[in-house]
Amino acid sequence: MSGTFGTLFKVTSFGESHSKGIGVITDGCPPGIYISKADIQPQLNRRRPDQNRLTTARNEPDQVNILSGIENGLTVGTPVALFLLMV
């Protein structure tokens, strides 16, 4: 099973929730789009327990780390790599 989806805008995920972390690489973002941790964090918070019947029972905090592809809050035109360290 492939962890990559899309053609012009590709999203690749890696890792498992029971491993040291999970990540995503997005390829196809044009330069100049504003993206910050504050934009991403609300989506991660939706995974927290007691949000709805589909959320996980685990109670670890998810915090995103931007590894590459974003400089000074703007995409630079290269793939954007994000990583969630599981503690």
C-alpha atoms as a PDB file:
ATOM      1  CA  MET A   1       0.000   0.000   0.000  1.00  0.00           C
ATOM      2  CA  SER A   2       1.390   3.387  -0.969  1.00  0.00           C
ATOM      3  CA  GLY A   3       1.589   6.294   1.438  1.00  0.00           C
ATOM      4  CA  THR A   4       1.543   8.798  -1.451  1.00  0.00           C
ATOM      5  CA  PHE A   5      -1.632  10.374  -2.809  1.00  0.00           C
ATOM      6  CA  GLY A   6      -2.221  12.910  -5.576  1.00  0.00           C
ATOM      7  CA  THR A   7      -0.622  13.884  -8.854  1.00  0.00           C
ATOM      8  CA  LEU A   8      -0.039  17.652  -9.151  1.00  0.00           C
ATOM      9  CA  PHE A   9      -0.137  18.101  -5.380  1.00  0.00           C
ATOM     10  CA  LYS A  10       1.342  15.014  -3.711  1.00  0.00           C
ATOM     11  CA  VAL A  11       1.034  14.077  -0.048  1.00  0.00           C
ATOM     12  CA  THR A  12       3.236  11.318   1.372  1.00  0.00           C
ATOM     13  CA  SER A  13       2.843  10.084   4.934  1.00  0.00           C
ATOM     14  CA  PHE A  14       5.292   7.979   6.907  1.00  0.00           C
ATOM     15  CA  GLY A  15       5.530   6.355  10.329  1.00  0.00           C
ATOM     16  CA  GLU A  16       2.922   4.834  12.611  1.00  0.00           C
ATOM     17  CA  SER A  17       1.201   6.110  15.740  1.00  0.00           C
ATOM     18  CA  HIS A  18       3.003   3.438  17.791  1.00  0.00           C
ATOM     19  CA  SER A  19       6.456   4.434  16.447  1.00  0.00           C
ATOM     20  CA  LYS A  20       8.683   7.353  17.438  1.00  0.00           C
ATOM     21  CA  GLY A  21       6.707   9.685  15.230  1.00  0.00           C
ATOM     22  CA  ILE A  22       4.716  10.277  12.094  1.00  0.00           C
ATOM     23  CA  GLY A  23       5.324  12.703   9.287  1.00  0.00           C
ATOM     24  CA  VAL A  24       4.082  14.084   6.036  1.00  0.00           C
ATOM     25  CA  ILE A  25       5.741  15.522   2.962  1.00  0.00           C
ATOM     26  CA  THR A  26       3.723  17.701   0.617  1.00  0.00           C
ATOM     27  CA  ASP A  27       5.075  18.270  -2.864  1.00  0.00           C
ATOM     28  CA  GLY A  28       3.559  20.795  -5.221  1.00  0.00           C
ATOM     29  CA  CYS A  29       3.102  23.805  -2.927  1.00  0.00           C
ATOM     30  CA  PRO A  30       3.920  26.952  -4.870  1.00  0.00           C
ATOM     31  CA  PRO A  31       6.217  29.501  -3.212  1.00  0.00           C
ATOM     32  CA  GLY A  32       4.802  32.372  -1.201  1.00  0.00           C
ATOM     33  CA  ILE A  33       1.961  30.651   0.683  1.00  0.00           C
ATOM     34  CA  TYR A  34       1.830  31.569   4.375  1.00  0.00           C
ATOM     35  CA  ILE A  35       1.807  28.489   6.633  1.00  0.00           C
ATOM     36  CA  SER A  36       2.594  28.404  10.341  1.00  0.00           C
ATOM     37  CA  LYS A  37       2.436  25.910  13.187  1.00  0.00           C
ATOM     38  CA  ALA A  38      -0.565  27.874  14.427  1.00  0.00           C
ATOM     39  CA  ASP A  39      -2.407  27.041  11.177  1.00  0.00           C
ATOM     40  CA  ILE A  40      -1.709  23.310  11.506  1.00  0.00           C
ATOM     41  CA  GLN A  41      -2.157  22.797  15.264  1.00  0.00           C
ATOM     42  CA  PRO A  42      -5.995  23.124  15.340  1.00  0.00           C
ATOM     43  CA  GLN A  43      -6.230  20.208  12.904  1.00  0.00           C
ATOM     44  CA  LEU A  44      -3.999  18.083  15.143  1.00  0.00           C
ATOM     45  CA  ASN A  45      -6.086  19.023  18.166  1.00  0.00           C
ATOM     46  CA  ARG A  46      -9.077  17.392  16.464  1.00  0.00           C
ATOM     47  CA  ARG A  47      -7.385  14.029  17.137  1.00  0.00           C
ATOM     48  CA  ARG A  48      -7.444  14.593  20.908  1.00  0.00           C
ATOM     49  CA  PRO A  49      -9.673  12.327  23.026  1.00  0.00           C
ATOM     50  CA  ASP A  50     -13.349  13.202  23.541  1.00  0.00           C
ATOM     51  CA  GLN A  51     -13.623  15.280  20.360  1.00  0.00           C
ATOM     52  CA  ASN A  52     -15.981  12.798  18.687  1.00  0.00           C
ATOM     53  CA  ARG A  53     -16.532   9.049  18.450  1.00  0.00           C
ATOM     54  CA  LEU A  54     -13.727   8.661  15.878  1.00  0.00           C
ATOM     55  CA  THR A  55     -10.893  10.166  17.924  1.00  0.00           C
ATOM     56  CA  THR A  56      -8.179   8.161  19.572  1.00  0.00           C
ATOM     57  CA  ALA A  57      -8.205   7.066  23.211  1.00  0.00           C
ATOM     58  CA  ARG A  58      -4.528   7.962  23.607  1.00  0.00           C
ATOM     59  CA  ASN A  59      -3.786  11.213  25.352  1.00  0.00           C
ATOM     60  CA  GLU A  60      -0.373  12.300  24.067  1.00  0.00           C
ATOM     61  CA  PRO A  61      -0.023  15.891  22.906  1.00  0.00           C
ATOM     62  CA  ASP A  62       0.573  16.222  19.164  1.00  0.00           C
ATOM     63  CA  GLN A  63       2.798  19.116  18.191  1.00  0.00           C
ATOM     64  CA  VAL A  64       3.957  19.696  14.661  1.00  0.00           C
ATOM     65  CA  ASN A  65       7.564  20.448  13.730  1.00  0.00           C
ATOM     66  CA  ILE A  66       8.215  22.064  10.361  1.00  0.00           C
ATOM     67  CA  LEU A  67      11.391  20.492   9.001  1.00  0.00           C
ATOM     68  CA  SER A  68      11.741  22.074   5.568  1.00  0.00           C
ATOM     69  CA  GLY A  69      10.016  23.893   2.729  1.00  0.00           C
ATOM     70  CA  ILE A  70       8.946  26.900   4.804  1.00  0.00           C
ATOM     71  CA  GLU A  71      11.107  29.926   5.557  1.00  0.00           C
ATOM     72  CA  ASN A  72       9.926  32.940   7.548  1.00  0.00           C
ATOM     73  CA  GLY A  73       6.388  31.532   7.433  1.00  0.00           C
ATOM     74  CA  LEU A  74       6.249  31.257   3.628  1.00  0.00           C
ATOM     75  CA  THR A  75       6.543  28.214   1.404  1.00  0.00           C
ATOM     76  CA  VAL A  76       9.682  28.328  -0.729  1.00  0.00           C
ATOM     77  CA  GLY A  77       8.503  26.074  -3.570  1.00  0.00           C
ATOM     78  CA  THR A  78      10.270  22.901  -2.405  1.00  0.00           C
ATOM     79  CA  PRO A  79       8.507  19.984  -0.672  1.00  0.00           C
ATOM     80  CA  VAL A  80       7.201  20.825   2.804  1.00  0.00           C
ATOM     81  CA  ALA A  81       8.170  18.284   5.472  1.00  0.00           C
ATOM     82  CA  LEU A  82       6.313  18.090   8.793  1.00  0.00           C
ATOM     83  CA  PHE A  83       6.978  15.718  11.700  1.00  0.00           C
ATOM     84  CA  LEU A  84       5.090  14.789  14.856  1.00  0.00           C
ATOM     85  CA  LEU A  85       7.276  13.364  17.589  1.00  0.00           C
ATOM     86  CA  MET A  86       5.380  10.847  19.719  1.00  0.00           C
ATOM     87  CA  VAL A  87       6.299  11.070  23.383  1.00  0.00           C
END
